[in-house]
Amino acid sequence: MKSTWFIFLLLIGIVFSCTDKNKLPEGVLDQPKMQAVMWDMIRAADFLNNYVFYKDASTDKAAESLKWNEKVFKIHKITREQFVKSYAYYQQHPQKMKAMMDSIGKIKAEPEAQKPATMDSLKKDSSVKVADTVKKAVVDTVKLNRRLDRMRKAAFKKSSVQ
């Protein structure tokens, strides 16, 4: 009797150990799709916080957030239930969630590199000398002031001739 239980448990162990652990359960979004959905949800939340809620504090935040989340779901052709199930799955698998969120962080960092330079970023960038930038701005201002002076003199001559 003990040997049959041992064989039975051994067979169950073999069956469960041979299953593909990386296979996603049915209804769970694969990592690239989930990453795209999460990225768009982050962008939608950023838009809401920086533009919609900032301009109109009386906006119903919960209703507006739900509306924008539904737009994201519609864009990606998924349902709220699929997202909730997928999010719960990735929360239970922290390594997969971390990999996904790290790759989202890299996507978010790339557009910042494409932003135009500001004075703060110019100071930090050793390849651009701030002094040269300021000097160029002063020269441009001097040229502009000379041009304005010539225009004023020309306008004054026209008004005095008439």
C-alpha atoms as a PDB file:
ATOM      1  CA  MET A   1       0.000   0.000   0.000  1.00  0.00           C
ATOM      2  CA  LYS A   2       2.827   2.365   0.852  1.00  0.00           C
ATOM      3  CA  SER A   3       4.540   1.656  -2.452  1.00  0.00           C
ATOM      4  CA  THR A   4       1.391   2.495  -4.464  1.00  0.00           C
ATOM      5  CA  TRP A   5       1.065   5.832  -2.658  1.00  0.00           C
ATOM      6  CA  PHE A   6       4.729   6.496  -3.286  1.00  0.00           C
ATOM      7  CA  ILE A   7       4.354   5.704  -7.006  1.00  0.00           C
ATOM      8  CA  PHE A   8       1.178   7.812  -7.184  1.00  0.00           C
ATOM      9  CA  LEU A   9       2.892  10.811  -5.580  1.00  0.00           C
ATOM     10  CA  LEU A  10       5.925  10.314  -7.786  1.00  0.00           C
ATOM     11  CA  LEU A  11       3.755  10.351 -10.930  1.00  0.00           C
ATOM     12  CA  ILE A  12       1.959  13.500  -9.795  1.00  0.00           C
ATOM     13  CA  GLY A  13       5.316  15.144  -9.108  1.00  0.00           C
ATOM     14  CA  ILE A  14       6.580  14.209 -12.569  1.00  0.00           C
ATOM     15  CA  VAL A  15       3.444  15.556 -14.255  1.00  0.00           C
ATOM     16  CA  PHE A  16       3.633  18.891 -12.472  1.00  0.00           C
ATOM     17  CA  SER A  17       7.370  19.257 -12.928  1.00  0.00           C
ATOM     18  CA  CYS A  18       7.095  18.688 -16.687  1.00  0.00           C
ATOM     19  CA  THR A  19       4.595  21.486 -17.279  1.00  0.00           C
ATOM     20  CA  ASP A  20       5.836  24.681 -18.886  1.00  0.00           C
ATOM     21  CA  LYS A  21       6.225  27.202 -16.077  1.00  0.00           C
ATOM     22  CA  ASN A  22       6.733  30.091 -18.515  1.00  0.00           C
ATOM     23  CA  LYS A  23       3.411  29.481 -20.220  1.00  0.00           C
ATOM     24  CA  LEU A  24       0.901  32.179 -19.414  1.00  0.00           C
ATOM     25  CA  PRO A  25      -2.535  31.220 -18.139  1.00  0.00           C
ATOM     26  CA  GLU A  26      -5.407  31.729 -20.528  1.00  0.00           C
ATOM     27  CA  GLY A  27      -6.651  35.311 -20.624  1.00  0.00           C
ATOM     28  CA  VAL A  28      -3.349  36.812 -19.434  1.00  0.00           C
ATOM     29  CA  LEU A  29      -1.690  39.292 -21.793  1.00  0.00           C
ATOM     30  CA  ASP A  30       1.813  38.406 -22.954  1.00  0.00           C
ATOM     31  CA  GLN A  31       4.627  40.607 -21.714  1.00  0.00           C
ATOM     32  CA  PRO A  32       5.046  42.881 -24.791  1.00  0.00           C
ATOM     33  CA  LYS A  33       1.292  43.520 -24.999  1.00  0.00           C
ATOM     34  CA  MET A  34       1.016  44.161 -21.253  1.00  0.00           C
ATOM     35  CA  GLN A  35       4.030  46.462 -21.443  1.00  0.00           C
ATOM     36  CA  ALA A  36       2.384  48.498 -24.222  1.00  0.00           C
ATOM     37  CA  VAL A  37      -0.876  48.747 -22.255  1.00  0.00           C
ATOM     38  CA  MET A  38       0.933  49.765 -19.066  1.00  0.00           C
ATOM     39  CA  TRP A  39       2.967  52.393 -20.943  1.00  0.00           C
ATOM     40  CA  ASP A  40      -0.179  53.920 -22.432  1.00  0.00           C
ATOM     41  CA  MET A  41      -1.904  53.886 -19.047  1.00  0.00           C
ATOM     42  CA  ILE A  42       1.074  55.698 -17.499  1.00  0.00           C
ATOM     43  CA  ARG A  43       0.952  58.272 -20.296  1.00  0.00           C
ATOM     44  CA  ALA A  44      -2.816  58.723 -19.863  1.00  0.00           C
ATOM     45  CA  ALA A  45      -2.395  59.242 -16.111  1.00  0.00           C
ATOM     46  CA  ASP A  46       0.404  61.724 -16.759  1.00  0.00           C
ATOM     47  CA  PHE A  47      -1.827  63.631 -19.181  1.00  0.00           C
ATOM     48  CA  LEU A  48      -4.670  63.691 -16.682  1.00  0.00           C
ATOM     49  CA  ASN A  49      -2.488  64.889 -13.809  1.00  0.00           C
ATOM     50  CA  ASN A  50      -0.529  67.514 -15.732  1.00  0.00           C
ATOM     51  CA  TYR A  51      -3.250  68.943 -17.964  1.00  0.00           C
ATOM     52  CA  VAL A  52      -6.825  67.942 -17.162  1.00  0.00           C
ATOM     53  CA  PHE A  53      -6.764  67.978 -13.352  1.00  0.00           C
ATOM     54  CA  TYR A  54      -4.272  70.843 -13.245  1.00  0.00           C
ATOM     55  CA  LYS A  55      -6.483  73.136 -15.328  1.00  0.00           C
ATOM     56  CA  ASP A  56      -9.793  72.171 -13.731  1.00  0.00           C
ATOM     57  CA  ALA A  57      -9.628  71.087 -10.113  1.00  0.00           C
ATOM     58  CA  SER A  58     -13.372  70.416 -10.028  1.00  0.00           C
ATOM     59  CA  THR A  59     -13.070  67.515 -12.479  1.00  0.00           C
ATOM     60  CA  ASP A  60     -14.235  64.148 -11.129  1.00  0.00           C
ATOM     61  CA  LYS A  61     -10.867  62.411 -11.017  1.00  0.00           C
ATOM     62  CA  ALA A  62     -12.186  58.863 -10.663  1.00  0.00           C
ATOM     63  CA  ALA A  63     -14.648  59.164 -13.553  1.00  0.00           C
ATOM     64  CA  GLU A  64     -12.112  60.871 -15.806  1.00  0.00           C
ATOM     65  CA  SER A  65      -9.472  58.227 -15.005  1.00  0.00           C
ATOM     66  CA  LEU A  66     -11.912  55.429 -15.798  1.00  0.00           C
ATOM     67  CA  LYS A  67     -12.799  57.104 -19.084  1.00  0.00           C
ATOM     68  CA  TRP A  68      -9.162  57.365 -20.134  1.00  0.00           C
ATOM     69  CA  ASN A  69      -8.390  53.801 -19.011  1.00  0.00           C
ATOM     70  CA  GLU A  70     -11.267  52.571 -21.175  1.00  0.00           C
ATOM     71  CA  LYS A  71      -9.793  54.487 -24.104  1.00  0.00           C
ATOM     72  CA  VAL A  72      -6.475  52.697 -23.575  1.00  0.00           C
ATOM     73  CA  PHE A  73      -8.263  49.329 -23.409  1.00  0.00           C
ATOM     74  CA  LYS A  74     -10.115  50.133 -26.621  1.00  0.00           C
ATOM     75  CA  ILE A  75      -6.891  51.125 -28.401  1.00  0.00           C
ATOM     76  CA  HIS A  76      -5.269  47.814 -27.455  1.00  0.00           C
ATOM     77  CA  LYS A  77      -8.473  45.828 -28.083  1.00  0.00           C
ATOM     78  CA  ILE A  78      -8.612  44.331 -24.600  1.00  0.00           C
ATOM     79  CA  THR A  79     -11.167  44.361 -21.815  1.00  0.00           C
ATOM     80  CA  ARG A  80     -10.838  45.682 -18.297  1.00  0.00           C
ATOM     81  CA  GLU A  81     -11.127  42.100 -17.032  1.00  0.00           C
ATOM     82  CA  GLN A  82      -8.192  40.982 -19.199  1.00  0.00           C
ATOM     83  CA  PHE A  83      -6.104  43.823 -17.847  1.00  0.00           C
ATOM     84  CA  VAL A  84      -7.042  43.134 -14.215  1.00  0.00           C
ATOM     85  CA  LYS A  85      -6.311  39.412 -14.612  1.00  0.00           C
ATOM     86  CA  SER A  86      -2.999  40.125 -16.342  1.00  0.00           C
ATOM     87  CA  TYR A  87      -1.981  42.721 -13.766  1.00  0.00           C
ATOM     88  CA  ALA A  88      -2.759  40.278 -10.944  1.00  0.00           C
ATOM     89  CA  TYR A  89      -0.679  37.596 -12.690  1.00  0.00           C
ATOM     90  CA  TYR A  90       2.328  39.902 -13.087  1.00  0.00           C
ATOM     91  CA  GLN A  91       2.023  41.016  -9.459  1.00  0.00           C
ATOM     92  CA  GLN A  92       2.271  37.361  -8.421  1.00  0.00           C
ATOM     93  CA  HIS A  93       5.400  36.977 -10.581  1.00  0.00           C
ATOM     94  CA  PRO A  94       7.680  39.803  -9.414  1.00  0.00           C
ATOM     95  CA  GLN A  95      10.579  38.935 -11.743  1.00  0.00           C
ATOM     96  CA  LYS A  96       8.335  39.293 -14.793  1.00  0.00           C
ATOM     97  CA  MET A  97       6.780  42.482 -13.414  1.00  0.00           C
ATOM     98  CA  LYS A  98      10.218  43.960 -12.696  1.00  0.00           C
ATOM     99  CA  ALA A  99      11.464  43.148 -16.196  1.00  0.00           C
ATOM    100  CA  MET A 100       8.369  44.726 -17.703  1.00  0.00           C
ATOM    101  CA  MET A 101       8.535  47.871 -15.571  1.00  0.00           C
ATOM    102  CA  ASP A 102      12.280  48.265 -16.195  1.00  0.00           C
ATOM    103  CA  SER A 103      11.711  48.151 -19.942  1.00  0.00           C
ATOM    104  CA  ILE A 104       8.907  50.721 -19.565  1.00  0.00           C
ATOM    105  CA  GLY A 105      11.363  52.924 -17.665  1.00  0.00           C
ATOM    106  CA  LYS A 106      13.789  52.702 -20.569  1.00  0.00           C
ATOM    107  CA  ILE A 107      11.063  53.697 -23.021  1.00  0.00           C
ATOM    108  CA  LYS A 108      10.188  56.683 -20.857  1.00  0.00           C
ATOM    109  CA  ALA A 109      13.835  57.763 -20.599  1.00  0.00           C
ATOM    110  CA  GLU A 110      14.400  57.808 -24.377  1.00  0.00           C
ATOM    111  CA  PRO A 111      12.125  60.783 -25.207  1.00  0.00           C
ATOM    112  CA  GLU A 112      13.820  62.859 -22.502  1.00  0.00           C
ATOM    113  CA  ALA A 113      17.084  62.475 -24.388  1.00  0.00           C
ATOM    114  CA  GLN A 114      15.420  64.025 -27.439  1.00  0.00           C
ATOM    115  CA  LYS A 115      14.219  67.165 -25.617  1.00  0.00           C
ATOM    116  CA  PRO A 116      15.760  70.466 -26.719  1.00  0.00           C
ATOM    117  CA  ALA A 117      18.605  71.715 -24.588  1.00  0.00           C
ATOM    118  CA  THR A 118      17.860  74.115 -21.760  1.00  0.00           C
ATOM    119  CA  MET A 119      20.309  76.254 -19.841  1.00  0.00           C
ATOM    120  CA  ASP A 120      20.309  73.691 -17.010  1.00  0.00           C
ATOM    121  CA  SER A 121      21.113  70.832 -19.349  1.00  0.00           C
ATOM    122  CA  LEU A 122      23.761  72.915 -21.091  1.00  0.00           C
ATOM    123  CA  LYS A 123      25.498  73.516 -17.765  1.00  0.00           C
ATOM    124  CA  LYS A 124      25.559  69.797 -17.067  1.00  0.00           C
ATOM    125  CA  ASP A 125      26.783  68.854 -20.544  1.00  0.00           C
ATOM    126  CA  SER A 126      30.552  69.207 -20.639  1.00  0.00           C
ATOM    127  CA  SER A 127      30.648  69.168 -24.463  1.00  0.00           C
ATOM    128  CA  VAL A 128      28.749  72.476 -24.653  1.00  0.00           C
ATOM    129  CA  LYS A 129      30.329  75.516 -23.100  1.00  0.00           C
ATOM    130  CA  VAL A 130      27.821  77.789 -21.469  1.00  0.00           C
ATOM    131  CA  ALA A 131      30.081  80.801 -21.937  1.00  0.00           C
ATOM    132  CA  ASP A 132      29.975  80.368 -25.719  1.00  0.00           C
ATOM    133  CA  THR A 133      26.201  80.115 -25.617  1.00  0.00           C
ATOM    134  CA  VAL A 134      25.864  83.276 -23.533  1.00  0.00           C
ATOM    135  CA  LYS A 135      28.372  85.101 -25.752  1.00  0.00           C
ATOM    136  CA  LYS A 136      26.366  84.160 -28.854  1.00  0.00           C
ATOM    137  CA  ALA A 137      23.165  85.371 -27.201  1.00  0.00           C
ATOM    138  CA  VAL A 138      24.813  88.708 -26.340  1.00  0.00           C
ATOM    139  CA  VAL A 139      26.083  89.119 -29.912  1.00  0.00           C
ATOM    140  CA  ASP A 140      22.616  88.334 -31.272  1.00  0.00           C
ATOM    141  CA  THR A 141      21.091  90.876 -28.897  1.00  0.00           C
ATOM    142  CA  VAL A 142      23.585  93.548 -29.945  1.00  0.00           C
ATOM    143  CA  LYS A 143      22.808  92.881 -33.625  1.00  0.00           C
ATOM    144  CA  LEU A 144      19.103  93.081 -32.910  1.00  0.00           C
ATOM    145  CA  ASN A 145      19.505  96.375 -31.033  1.00  0.00           C
ATOM    146  CA  ARG A 146      21.510  97.875 -33.942  1.00  0.00           C
ATOM    147  CA  ARG A 147      18.849  96.805 -36.401  1.00  0.00           C
ATOM    148  CA  LEU A 148      16.121  98.329 -34.219  1.00  0.00           C
ATOM    149  CA  ASP A 149      18.109 101.586 -33.987  1.00  0.00           C
ATOM    150  CA  ARG A 150      18.400 101.760 -37.782  1.00  0.00           C
ATOM    151  CA  MET A 151      14.664 101.138 -38.119  1.00  0.00           C
ATOM    152  CA  ARG A 152      13.872 103.862 -35.554  1.00  0.00           C
ATOM    153  CA  LYS A 153      16.152 106.356 -37.323  1.00  0.00           C
ATOM    154  CA  ALA A 154      14.541 105.548 -40.666  1.00  0.00           C
ATOM    155  CA  ALA A 155      11.061 105.944 -39.170  1.00  0.00           C
ATOM    156  CA  PHE A 156      12.096 109.234 -37.505  1.00  0.00           C
ATOM    157  CA  LYS A 157      13.483 110.605 -40.816  1.00  0.00           C
ATOM    158  CA  LYS A 158      10.212 109.731 -42.583  1.00  0.00           C
ATOM    159  CA  SER A 159       8.109 111.424 -39.915  1.00  0.00           C
ATOM    160  CA  SER A 160      10.304 114.580 -39.878  1.00  0.00           C
ATOM    161  CA  VAL A 161      10.270 114.844 -43.707  1.00  0.00           C
ATOM    162  CA  GLN A 162       6.473 114.842 -43.851  1.00  0.00           C
END
